[in-house]
Amino acid sequence: MRKNILNSFLITAIVFTLASCKTKKIIVATPPVAQQQLPETNKKLENLQALQAKDLSFNTLALKGKADLDIDGDINSVTMNIRIKKDQAIWVNITALGGALEVARALVTPDSIKLINRMQKTYTKKPFSYIHEFTNHQIDFSLLQSIFSGNTIKAFMNENSDLKFENGVWNLSGKAEDLVYAVLFNTLLKPAETSLNDAEAGQALKVSYEKYTPLNGGLFPSKLNLQSMAGTKKIALSLEFNKVEGNTNVDFPFTVPKSYQLIK
């Protein structure tokens, strides 16, 4: 009997040890401002290049996380799977009830947007420009890709932007036609908050990032908060990824049932 008890104890200890050794998401601490070396602020081009050098390099991303999605005050907790093939496609799958119920699916490419609404059994296929009914016309595929990957937005990283070093961090701001933008970087030299505003059109987008984790030799923000406003329509998304993979094989399944109605 004593031997059986001892064996049970050992098995339990081994199982516990193996469980404890599972790979955990590593969060990189953001250094305090006081520990940062002051840069030469008169070298704008070099400083812009230093910020861009911190962009995450990837061919593909496979992401999964829990999200609170608020559309005009209607709040739902969902699971989101996001797959990205650089410069080619962004695929999003939204499920509820712990993944048991698919709510919606989207496939975005540089020239098109496809949406499946499982709840209403409808299907939408539009040119990418369809998104401009809800956002500024300067929002393109590259910008969306930067938002989901936590990278700098290439269109803003030029010498026409105003770049200042204030309170120990970089602030980038400027205006591109009717779009006013501001990017606050953290002490990891990664975007901490990006704001886009088109006051005339009544459109605004704000994205903030937290909990950077190592990936592909760089850093990826495993927590994203997004707020979007277009006229009276408001969307808020709080998303924390529990699965982050880079440069893996990804596919973008998108089959529309024949019974679904095409929304034109």
C-alpha atoms as a PDB file:
ATOM      1  CA  MET A   1       0.000   0.000   0.000  1.00  0.00           C
ATOM      2  CA  ARG A   2       2.812   2.361   0.938  1.00  0.00           C
ATOM      3  CA  LYS A   3       4.484   1.640  -2.408  1.00  0.00           C
ATOM      4  CA  ASN A   4       1.266   2.453  -4.279  1.00  0.00           C
ATOM      5  CA  ILE A   5       0.934   5.725  -2.375  1.00  0.00           C
ATOM      6  CA  LEU A   6       4.542   6.601  -3.189  1.00  0.00           C
ATOM      7  CA  ASN A   7       4.030   5.794  -6.879  1.00  0.00           C
ATOM      8  CA  SER A   8       0.900   7.949  -6.967  1.00  0.00           C
ATOM      9  CA  PHE A   9       2.796  10.790  -5.358  1.00  0.00           C
ATOM     10  CA  LEU A  10       5.611  10.518  -7.908  1.00  0.00           C
ATOM     11  CA  ILE A  11       3.197  10.442 -10.849  1.00  0.00           C
ATOM     12  CA  THR A  12       1.373  13.483  -9.488  1.00  0.00           C
ATOM     13  CA  ALA A  13       4.679  15.298  -8.969  1.00  0.00           C
ATOM     14  CA  ILE A  14       5.814  14.511 -12.533  1.00  0.00           C
ATOM     15  CA  VAL A  15       2.519  15.675 -14.044  1.00  0.00           C
ATOM     16  CA  PHE A  16       2.676  18.869 -11.995  1.00  0.00           C
ATOM     17  CA  THR A  17       6.277  19.485 -13.021  1.00  0.00           C
ATOM     18  CA  LEU A  18       5.518  18.979 -16.723  1.00  0.00           C
ATOM     19  CA  ALA A  19       2.525  21.264 -16.510  1.00  0.00           C
ATOM     20  CA  SER A  20       4.665  23.889 -14.823  1.00  0.00           C
ATOM     21  CA  CYS A  21       7.248  23.648 -17.610  1.00  0.00           C
ATOM     22  CA  LYS A  22       4.814  24.499 -20.397  1.00  0.00           C
ATOM     23  CA  THR A  23       5.869  27.443 -22.519  1.00  0.00           C
ATOM     24  CA  LYS A  24       4.472  30.647 -21.106  1.00  0.00           C
ATOM     25  CA  LYS A  25       4.070  33.945 -22.893  1.00  0.00           C
ATOM     26  CA  ILE A  26       7.015  36.146 -21.932  1.00  0.00           C
ATOM     27  CA  ILE A  27       6.170  39.793 -21.352  1.00  0.00           C
ATOM     28  CA  VAL A  28       9.005  42.249 -21.882  1.00  0.00           C
ATOM     29  CA  ALA A  29       9.043  45.000 -19.278  1.00  0.00           C
ATOM     30  CA  THR A  30       9.019  48.554 -20.622  1.00  0.00           C
ATOM     31  CA  PRO A  31      12.107  50.305 -19.195  1.00  0.00           C
ATOM     32  CA  PRO A  32      11.465  53.334 -16.980  1.00  0.00           C
ATOM     33  CA  VAL A  33      11.997  56.684 -18.649  1.00  0.00           C
ATOM     34  CA  ALA A  34      14.847  57.516 -16.265  1.00  0.00           C
ATOM     35  CA  GLN A  35      16.915  54.636 -17.644  1.00  0.00           C
ATOM     36  CA  GLN A  36      16.784  55.806 -21.249  1.00  0.00           C
ATOM     37  CA  GLN A  37      19.786  57.342 -22.943  1.00  0.00           C
ATOM     38  CA  LEU A  38      18.915  60.724 -24.395  1.00  0.00           C
ATOM     39  CA  PRO A  39      19.023  60.642 -28.207  1.00  0.00           C
ATOM     40  CA  GLU A  40      20.351  63.371 -30.491  1.00  0.00           C
ATOM     41  CA  THR A  41      17.048  65.021 -31.284  1.00  0.00           C
ATOM     42  CA  ASN A  42      18.389  67.098 -34.187  1.00  0.00           C
ATOM     43  CA  LYS A  43      18.805  63.995 -36.383  1.00  0.00           C
ATOM     44  CA  LYS A  44      15.240  63.429 -37.513  1.00  0.00           C
ATOM     45  CA  LEU A  45      15.920  60.984 -40.345  1.00  0.00           C
ATOM     46  CA  GLU A  46      18.206  58.828 -38.196  1.00  0.00           C
ATOM     47  CA  ASN A  47      15.673  58.823 -35.356  1.00  0.00           C
ATOM     48  CA  LEU A  48      12.845  57.837 -37.705  1.00  0.00           C
ATOM     49  CA  GLN A  49      14.985  54.989 -38.998  1.00  0.00           C
ATOM     50  CA  ALA A  50      15.758  53.899 -35.421  1.00  0.00           C
ATOM     51  CA  LEU A  51      12.030  53.694 -34.664  1.00  0.00           C
ATOM     52  CA  GLN A  52      11.286  51.774 -37.861  1.00  0.00           C
ATOM     53  CA  ALA A  53      14.139  49.381 -37.078  1.00  0.00           C
ATOM     54  CA  LYS A  54      12.038  48.133 -34.146  1.00  0.00           C
ATOM     55  CA  ASP A  55       9.230  46.999 -36.472  1.00  0.00           C
ATOM     56  CA  LEU A  56       8.438  43.298 -36.253  1.00  0.00           C
ATOM     57  CA  SER A  57       9.717  41.387 -39.273  1.00  0.00           C
ATOM     58  CA  PHE A  58       7.383  38.604 -40.419  1.00  0.00           C
ATOM     59  CA  ASN A  59       6.078  36.706 -43.408  1.00  0.00           C
ATOM     60  CA  THR A  60       3.001  35.370 -41.627  1.00  0.00           C
ATOM     61  CA  LEU A  61       1.289  35.828 -38.274  1.00  0.00           C
ATOM     62  CA  ALA A  62      -1.169  33.448 -36.592  1.00  0.00           C
ATOM     63  CA  LEU A  63      -2.922  35.031 -33.607  1.00  0.00           C
ATOM     64  CA  LYS A  64      -5.664  33.928 -31.240  1.00  0.00           C
ATOM     65  CA  GLY A  65      -7.140  35.767 -28.293  1.00  0.00           C
ATOM     66  CA  LYS A  66     -10.086  36.702 -26.132  1.00  0.00           C
ATOM     67  CA  ALA A  67     -11.854  39.942 -26.904  1.00  0.00           C
ATOM     68  CA  ASP A  68     -14.564  42.217 -25.636  1.00  0.00           C
ATOM     69  CA  LEU A  69     -16.304  43.693 -28.665  1.00  0.00           C
ATOM     70  CA  ASP A  70     -18.560  46.717 -28.196  1.00  0.00           C
ATOM     71  CA  ILE A  71     -20.605  47.834 -31.213  1.00  0.00           C
ATOM     72  CA  ASP A  72     -22.776  50.859 -30.410  1.00  0.00           C
ATOM     73  CA  GLY A  73     -23.112  49.768 -26.786  1.00  0.00           C
ATOM     74  CA  ASP A  74     -23.829  46.099 -27.573  1.00  0.00           C
ATOM     75  CA  ILE A  75     -20.990  44.286 -25.746  1.00  0.00           C
ATOM     76  CA  ASN A  76     -20.032  40.670 -26.399  1.00  0.00           C
ATOM     77  CA  SER A  77     -17.131  38.491 -25.271  1.00  0.00           C
ATOM     78  CA  VAL A  78     -15.725  36.596 -28.227  1.00  0.00           C
ATOM     79  CA  THR A  79     -12.696  34.657 -29.413  1.00  0.00           C
ATOM     80  CA  MET A  80     -10.789  36.063 -32.357  1.00  0.00           C
ATOM     81  CA  ASN A  81      -8.439  34.224 -34.692  1.00  0.00           C
ATOM     82  CA  ILE A  82      -6.372  36.485 -36.925  1.00  0.00           C
ATOM     83  CA  ARG A  83      -4.042  35.316 -39.671  1.00  0.00           C
ATOM     84  CA  ILE A  84      -1.885  37.611 -41.744  1.00  0.00           C
ATOM     85  CA  LYS A  85       0.201  36.959 -44.834  1.00  0.00           C
ATOM     86  CA  LYS A  86       2.341  40.027 -45.242  1.00  0.00           C
ATOM     87  CA  ASP A  87       1.114  42.454 -47.891  1.00  0.00           C
ATOM     88  CA  GLN A  88      -1.375  39.865 -49.191  1.00  0.00           C
ATOM     89  CA  ALA A  89      -4.199  38.968 -46.813  1.00  0.00           C
ATOM     90  CA  ILE A  90      -5.715  39.464 -43.363  1.00  0.00           C
ATOM     91  CA  TRP A  91      -8.148  36.759 -42.257  1.00  0.00           C
ATOM     92  CA  VAL A  92     -10.348  37.170 -39.155  1.00  0.00           C
ATOM     93  CA  ASN A  93     -12.589  34.570 -37.562  1.00  0.00           C
ATOM     94  CA  ILE A  94     -14.898  35.551 -34.678  1.00  0.00           C
ATOM     95  CA  THR A  95     -16.492  32.900 -32.481  1.00  0.00           C
ATOM     96  CA  ALA A  96     -18.560  32.844 -29.286  1.00  0.00           C
ATOM     97  CA  LEU A  97     -19.406  30.296 -26.585  1.00  0.00           C
ATOM     98  CA  GLY A  98     -15.777  29.273 -26.221  1.00  0.00           C
ATOM     99  CA  GLY A  99     -15.335  28.772 -29.950  1.00  0.00           C
ATOM    100  CA  ALA A 100     -18.431  26.588 -30.385  1.00  0.00           C
ATOM    101  CA  LEU A 101     -20.391  29.192 -32.345  1.00  0.00           C
ATOM    102  CA  GLU A 102     -18.934  31.059 -35.312  1.00  0.00           C
ATOM    103  CA  VAL A 103     -20.283  34.593 -35.546  1.00  0.00           C
ATOM    104  CA  ALA A 104     -18.457  36.086 -38.498  1.00  0.00           C
ATOM    105  CA  ARG A 105     -15.529  35.675 -40.854  1.00  0.00           C
ATOM    106  CA  ALA A 106     -13.635  38.251 -42.909  1.00  0.00           C
ATOM    107  CA  LEU A 107     -10.971  38.160 -45.581  1.00  0.00           C
ATOM    108  CA  VAL A 108      -9.251  41.427 -46.463  1.00  0.00           C
ATOM    109  CA  THR A 109      -6.803  41.803 -49.343  1.00  0.00           C
ATOM    110  CA  PRO A 110      -5.262  44.968 -50.806  1.00  0.00           C
ATOM    111  CA  ASP A 111      -8.106  45.185 -53.336  1.00  0.00           C
ATOM    112  CA  SER A 112     -11.138  43.521 -51.717  1.00  0.00           C
ATOM    113  CA  ILE A 113     -13.127  42.869 -48.558  1.00  0.00           C
ATOM    114  CA  LYS A 114     -15.225  39.739 -48.047  1.00  0.00           C
ATOM    115  CA  LEU A 115     -17.512  39.219 -45.044  1.00  0.00           C
ATOM    116  CA  ILE A 116     -19.628  36.303 -43.839  1.00  0.00           C
ATOM    117  CA  ASN A 117     -22.279  36.978 -41.191  1.00  0.00           C
ATOM    118  CA  ARG A 118     -23.237  33.574 -39.746  1.00  0.00           C
ATOM    119  CA  MET A 119     -25.966  35.027 -37.547  1.00  0.00           C
ATOM    120  CA  GLN A 120     -27.841  36.634 -40.438  1.00  0.00           C
ATOM    121  CA  LYS A 121     -26.676  34.124 -43.068  1.00  0.00           C
ATOM    122  CA  THR A 122     -25.434  36.857 -45.367  1.00  0.00           C
ATOM    123  CA  TYR A 123     -22.333  37.410 -47.467  1.00  0.00           C
ATOM    124  CA  THR A 124     -20.688  40.646 -48.590  1.00  0.00           C
ATOM    125  CA  LYS A 125     -18.034  41.141 -51.261  1.00  0.00           C
ATOM    126  CA  LYS A 126     -16.772  44.649 -51.893  1.00  0.00           C
ATOM    127  CA  PRO A 127     -13.705  46.439 -53.257  1.00  0.00           C
ATOM    128  CA  PHE A 128     -11.305  47.606 -50.542  1.00  0.00           C
ATOM    129  CA  SER A 129     -12.598  51.138 -50.991  1.00  0.00           C
ATOM    130  CA  TYR A 130     -15.809  49.990 -49.235  1.00  0.00           C
ATOM    131  CA  ILE A 131     -13.985  50.504 -45.948  1.00  0.00           C
ATOM    132  CA  HIS A 132     -13.825  54.228 -46.685  1.00  0.00           C
ATOM    133  CA  GLU A 133     -17.531  54.494 -45.935  1.00  0.00           C
ATOM    134  CA  PHE A 134     -16.510  54.019 -42.299  1.00  0.00           C
ATOM    135  CA  THR A 135     -12.940  55.376 -42.226  1.00  0.00           C
ATOM    136  CA  ASN A 136     -10.765  58.004 -43.841  1.00  0.00           C
ATOM    137  CA  HIS A 137      -9.984  57.383 -47.530  1.00  0.00           C
ATOM    138  CA  GLN A 138      -6.260  57.184 -46.720  1.00  0.00           C
ATOM    139  CA  ILE A 139      -6.752  53.968 -44.761  1.00  0.00           C
ATOM    140  CA  ASP A 140      -5.252  51.223 -46.897  1.00  0.00           C
ATOM    141  CA  PHE A 141      -4.256  47.580 -46.491  1.00  0.00           C
ATOM    142  CA  SER A 142      -0.738  48.461 -45.369  1.00  0.00           C
ATOM    143  CA  LEU A 143      -2.074  50.643 -42.562  1.00  0.00           C
ATOM    144  CA  LEU A 144      -4.451  47.905 -41.338  1.00  0.00           C
ATOM    145  CA  GLN A 145      -1.577  45.428 -41.374  1.00  0.00           C
ATOM    146  CA  SER A 146       0.548  47.814 -39.294  1.00  0.00           C
ATOM    147  CA  ILE A 147      -2.241  48.232 -36.751  1.00  0.00           C
ATOM    148  CA  PHE A 148      -2.659  44.476 -36.210  1.00  0.00           C
ATOM    149  CA  SER A 149       1.101  43.847 -36.059  1.00  0.00           C
ATOM    150  CA  GLY A 150       1.880  46.828 -33.818  1.00  0.00           C
ATOM    151  CA  ASN A 151       4.340  48.255 -36.336  1.00  0.00           C
ATOM    152  CA  THR A 152       4.928  51.832 -37.413  1.00  0.00           C
ATOM    153  CA  ILE A 153       2.773  53.173 -40.233  1.00  0.00           C
ATOM    154  CA  LYS A 154       5.089  53.679 -43.189  1.00  0.00           C
ATOM    155  CA  ALA A 155       3.159  56.615 -44.643  1.00  0.00           C
ATOM    156  CA  PHE A 156       3.814  58.657 -41.496  1.00  0.00           C
ATOM    157  CA  MET A 157       7.502  57.826 -41.059  1.00  0.00           C
ATOM    158  CA  ASN A 158       8.959  60.622 -43.160  1.00  0.00           C
ATOM    159  CA  GLU A 159      10.597  63.985 -42.629  1.00  0.00           C
ATOM    160  CA  ASN A 160       7.323  65.837 -43.225  1.00  0.00           C
ATOM    161  CA  SER A 161       6.134  64.551 -39.834  1.00  0.00           C
ATOM    162  CA  ASP A 162       6.872  66.370 -36.607  1.00  0.00           C
ATOM    163  CA  LEU A 163       9.072  64.198 -34.371  1.00  0.00           C
ATOM    164  CA  LYS A 164       9.707  65.311 -30.796  1.00  0.00           C
ATOM    165  CA  PHE A 165      11.366  63.704 -27.791  1.00  0.00           C
ATOM    166  CA  GLU A 166       9.255  64.650 -24.760  1.00  0.00           C
ATOM    167  CA  ASN A 167       9.078  63.225 -21.247  1.00  0.00           C
ATOM    168  CA  GLY A 168      11.540  60.498 -22.186  1.00  0.00           C
ATOM    169  CA  VAL A 169       9.642  59.143 -25.220  1.00  0.00           C
ATOM    170  CA  TRP A 170       9.175  59.949 -28.890  1.00  0.00           C
ATOM    171  CA  ASN A 171       6.051  61.658 -30.208  1.00  0.00           C
ATOM    172  CA  LEU A 172       5.288  61.644 -33.933  1.00  0.00           C
ATOM    173  CA  SER A 173       2.535  63.825 -35.376  1.00  0.00           C
ATOM    174  CA  GLY A 174       1.418  65.419 -38.588  1.00  0.00           C
ATOM    175  CA  LYS A 175      -1.272  65.769 -41.205  1.00  0.00           C
ATOM    176  CA  ALA A 176      -1.692  63.891 -44.467  1.00  0.00           C
ATOM    177  CA  GLU A 177      -4.342  65.709 -46.508  1.00  0.00           C
ATOM    178  CA  ASP A 178      -7.391  65.723 -44.176  1.00  0.00           C
ATOM    179  CA  LEU A 179      -6.075  63.017 -41.820  1.00  0.00           C
ATOM    180  CA  VAL A 180      -4.440  64.181 -38.594  1.00  0.00           C
ATOM    181  CA  TYR A 181      -2.241  61.575 -36.937  1.00  0.00           C
ATOM    182  CA  ALA A 182      -0.304  61.207 -33.696  1.00  0.00           C
ATOM    183  CA  VAL A 183       1.854  58.313 -32.528  1.00  0.00           C
ATOM    184  CA  LEU A 184       3.222  57.991 -29.011  1.00  0.00           C
ATOM    185  CA  PHE A 185       6.145  55.584 -28.670  1.00  0.00           C
ATOM    186  CA  ASN A 186       7.203  53.845 -25.457  1.00  0.00           C
ATOM    187  CA  THR A 187      10.710  53.340 -24.104  1.00  0.00           C
ATOM    188  CA  LEU A 188      10.992  50.112 -26.112  1.00  0.00           C
ATOM    189  CA  LEU A 189      10.755  52.389 -29.190  1.00  0.00           C
ATOM    190  CA  LYS A 190       7.500  50.659 -30.124  1.00  0.00           C
ATOM    191  CA  PRO A 191       4.174  52.402 -30.811  1.00  0.00           C
ATOM    192  CA  ALA A 192       2.208  52.633 -27.569  1.00  0.00           C
ATOM    193  CA  GLU A 193      -0.695  54.653 -28.932  1.00  0.00           C
ATOM    194  CA  THR A 194      -1.763  55.679 -32.430  1.00  0.00           C
ATOM    195  CA  SER A 195      -4.527  58.198 -33.116  1.00  0.00           C
ATOM    196  CA  LEU A 196      -6.058  59.044 -36.495  1.00  0.00           C
ATOM    197  CA  ASN A 197      -8.628  61.821 -36.863  1.00  0.00           C
ATOM    198  CA  ASP A 198     -10.615  63.258 -39.744  1.00  0.00           C
ATOM    199  CA  ALA A 199     -12.640  65.995 -38.076  1.00  0.00           C
ATOM    200  CA  GLU A 200     -14.447  67.089 -41.231  1.00  0.00           C
ATOM    201  CA  ALA A 201     -15.746  63.573 -41.904  1.00  0.00           C
ATOM    202  CA  GLY A 202     -16.420  62.870 -38.209  1.00  0.00           C
ATOM    203  CA  GLN A 203     -14.122  59.835 -38.211  1.00  0.00           C
ATOM    204  CA  ALA A 204     -11.573  58.828 -35.577  1.00  0.00           C
ATOM    205  CA  LEU A 205      -9.500  55.775 -34.725  1.00  0.00           C
ATOM    206  CA  LYS A 206      -7.384  55.214 -31.628  1.00  0.00           C
ATOM    207  CA  VAL A 207      -5.268  52.118 -30.999  1.00  0.00           C
ATOM    208  CA  SER A 208      -3.148  51.385 -27.932  1.00  0.00           C
ATOM    209  CA  TYR A 209      -0.783  48.499 -27.241  1.00  0.00           C
ATOM    210  CA  GLU A 210       0.496  46.695 -24.148  1.00  0.00           C
ATOM    211  CA  LYS A 211       2.322  43.554 -23.030  1.00  0.00           C
ATOM    212  CA  TYR A 212       5.064  43.172 -25.616  1.00  0.00           C
ATOM    213  CA  THR A 213       6.317  39.627 -26.107  1.00  0.00           C
ATOM    214  CA  PRO A 214       9.357  38.376 -28.110  1.00  0.00           C
ATOM    215  CA  LEU A 215       8.607  37.100 -31.611  1.00  0.00           C
ATOM    216  CA  ASN A 216      10.816  36.570 -34.674  1.00  0.00           C
ATOM    217  CA  GLY A 217      13.691  38.433 -33.035  1.00  0.00           C
ATOM    218  CA  GLY A 218      11.452  41.441 -32.380  1.00  0.00           C
ATOM    219  CA  LEU A 219       8.562  42.450 -30.125  1.00  0.00           C
ATOM    220  CA  PHE A 220       4.834  41.910 -30.650  1.00  0.00           C
ATOM    221  CA  PRO A 221       2.069  43.585 -28.565  1.00  0.00           C
ATOM    222  CA  SER A 222      -0.064  40.804 -27.118  1.00  0.00           C
ATOM    223  CA  LYS A 223      -2.727  43.255 -25.957  1.00  0.00           C
ATOM    224  CA  LEU A 224      -4.541  45.677 -28.236  1.00  0.00           C
ATOM    225  CA  ASN A 225      -7.259  48.215 -27.500  1.00  0.00           C
ATOM    226  CA  LEU A 226      -9.081  49.867 -30.382  1.00  0.00           C
ATOM    227  CA  GLN A 227     -11.712  52.585 -30.497  1.00  0.00           C
ATOM    228  CA  SER A 228     -13.326  53.658 -33.755  1.00  0.00           C
ATOM    229  CA  MET A 229     -15.926  56.299 -34.484  1.00  0.00           C
ATOM    230  CA  ALA A 230     -17.568  57.077 -37.808  1.00  0.00           C
ATOM    231  CA  GLY A 231     -20.439  59.507 -37.469  1.00  0.00           C
ATOM    232  CA  THR A 232     -22.794  58.030 -34.863  1.00  0.00           C
ATOM    233  CA  LYS A 233     -21.360  54.505 -35.169  1.00  0.00           C
ATOM    234  CA  LYS A 234     -18.904  53.503 -32.449  1.00  0.00           C
ATOM    235  CA  ILE A 235     -16.828  50.338 -32.114  1.00  0.00           C
ATOM    236  CA  ALA A 236     -14.515  49.403 -29.237  1.00  0.00           C
ATOM    237  CA  LEU A 237     -12.332  46.307 -29.113  1.00  0.00           C
ATOM    238  CA  SER A 238     -10.211  45.057 -26.233  1.00  0.00           C
ATOM    239  CA  LEU A 239      -8.190  42.067 -27.408  1.00  0.00           C
ATOM    240  CA  GLU A 240      -5.540  40.043 -25.596  1.00  0.00           C
ATOM    241  CA  PHE A 241      -3.760  37.299 -27.511  1.00  0.00           C
ATOM    242  CA  ASN A 242      -3.002  34.000 -25.781  1.00  0.00           C
ATOM    243  CA  LYS A 243      -1.472  32.489 -28.917  1.00  0.00           C
ATOM    244  CA  VAL A 244       1.095  34.324 -31.017  1.00  0.00           C
ATOM    245  CA  GLU A 245       3.000  32.561 -33.797  1.00  0.00           C
ATOM    246  CA  GLY A 246       5.173  33.960 -36.539  1.00  0.00           C
ATOM    247  CA  ASN A 247       6.275  32.580 -39.904  1.00  0.00           C
ATOM    248  CA  THR A 248       4.115  29.458 -39.737  1.00  0.00           C
ATOM    249  CA  ASN A 249       2.016  28.003 -42.536  1.00  0.00           C
ATOM    250  CA  VAL A 250      -1.367  29.721 -42.635  1.00  0.00           C
ATOM    251  CA  ASP A 251      -4.462  29.275 -44.751  1.00  0.00           C
ATOM    252  CA  PHE A 252      -7.528  31.452 -45.197  1.00  0.00           C
ATOM    253  CA  PRO A 253     -10.636  29.235 -45.447  1.00  0.00           C
ATOM    254  CA  PHE A 254     -13.569  31.189 -46.803  1.00  0.00           C
ATOM    255  CA  THR A 255     -16.413  29.085 -48.162  1.00  0.00           C
ATOM    256  CA  VAL A 256     -19.835  30.711 -48.482  1.00  0.00           C
ATOM    257  CA  PRO A 257     -22.871  28.399 -48.135  1.00  0.00           C
ATOM    258  CA  LYS A 258     -25.140  28.524 -51.184  1.00  0.00           C
ATOM    259  CA  SER A 259     -28.113  29.446 -48.998  1.00  0.00           C
ATOM    260  CA  TYR A 260     -26.487  32.695 -47.839  1.00  0.00           C
ATOM    261  CA  GLN A 261     -27.812  35.962 -49.263  1.00  0.00           C
ATOM    262  CA  LEU A 262     -25.377  38.275 -51.052  1.00  0.00           C
ATOM    263  CA  ILE A 263     -25.607  41.817 -49.687  1.00  0.00           C
ATOM    264  CA  LYS A 264     -24.909  44.384 -52.403  1.00  0.00           C
END
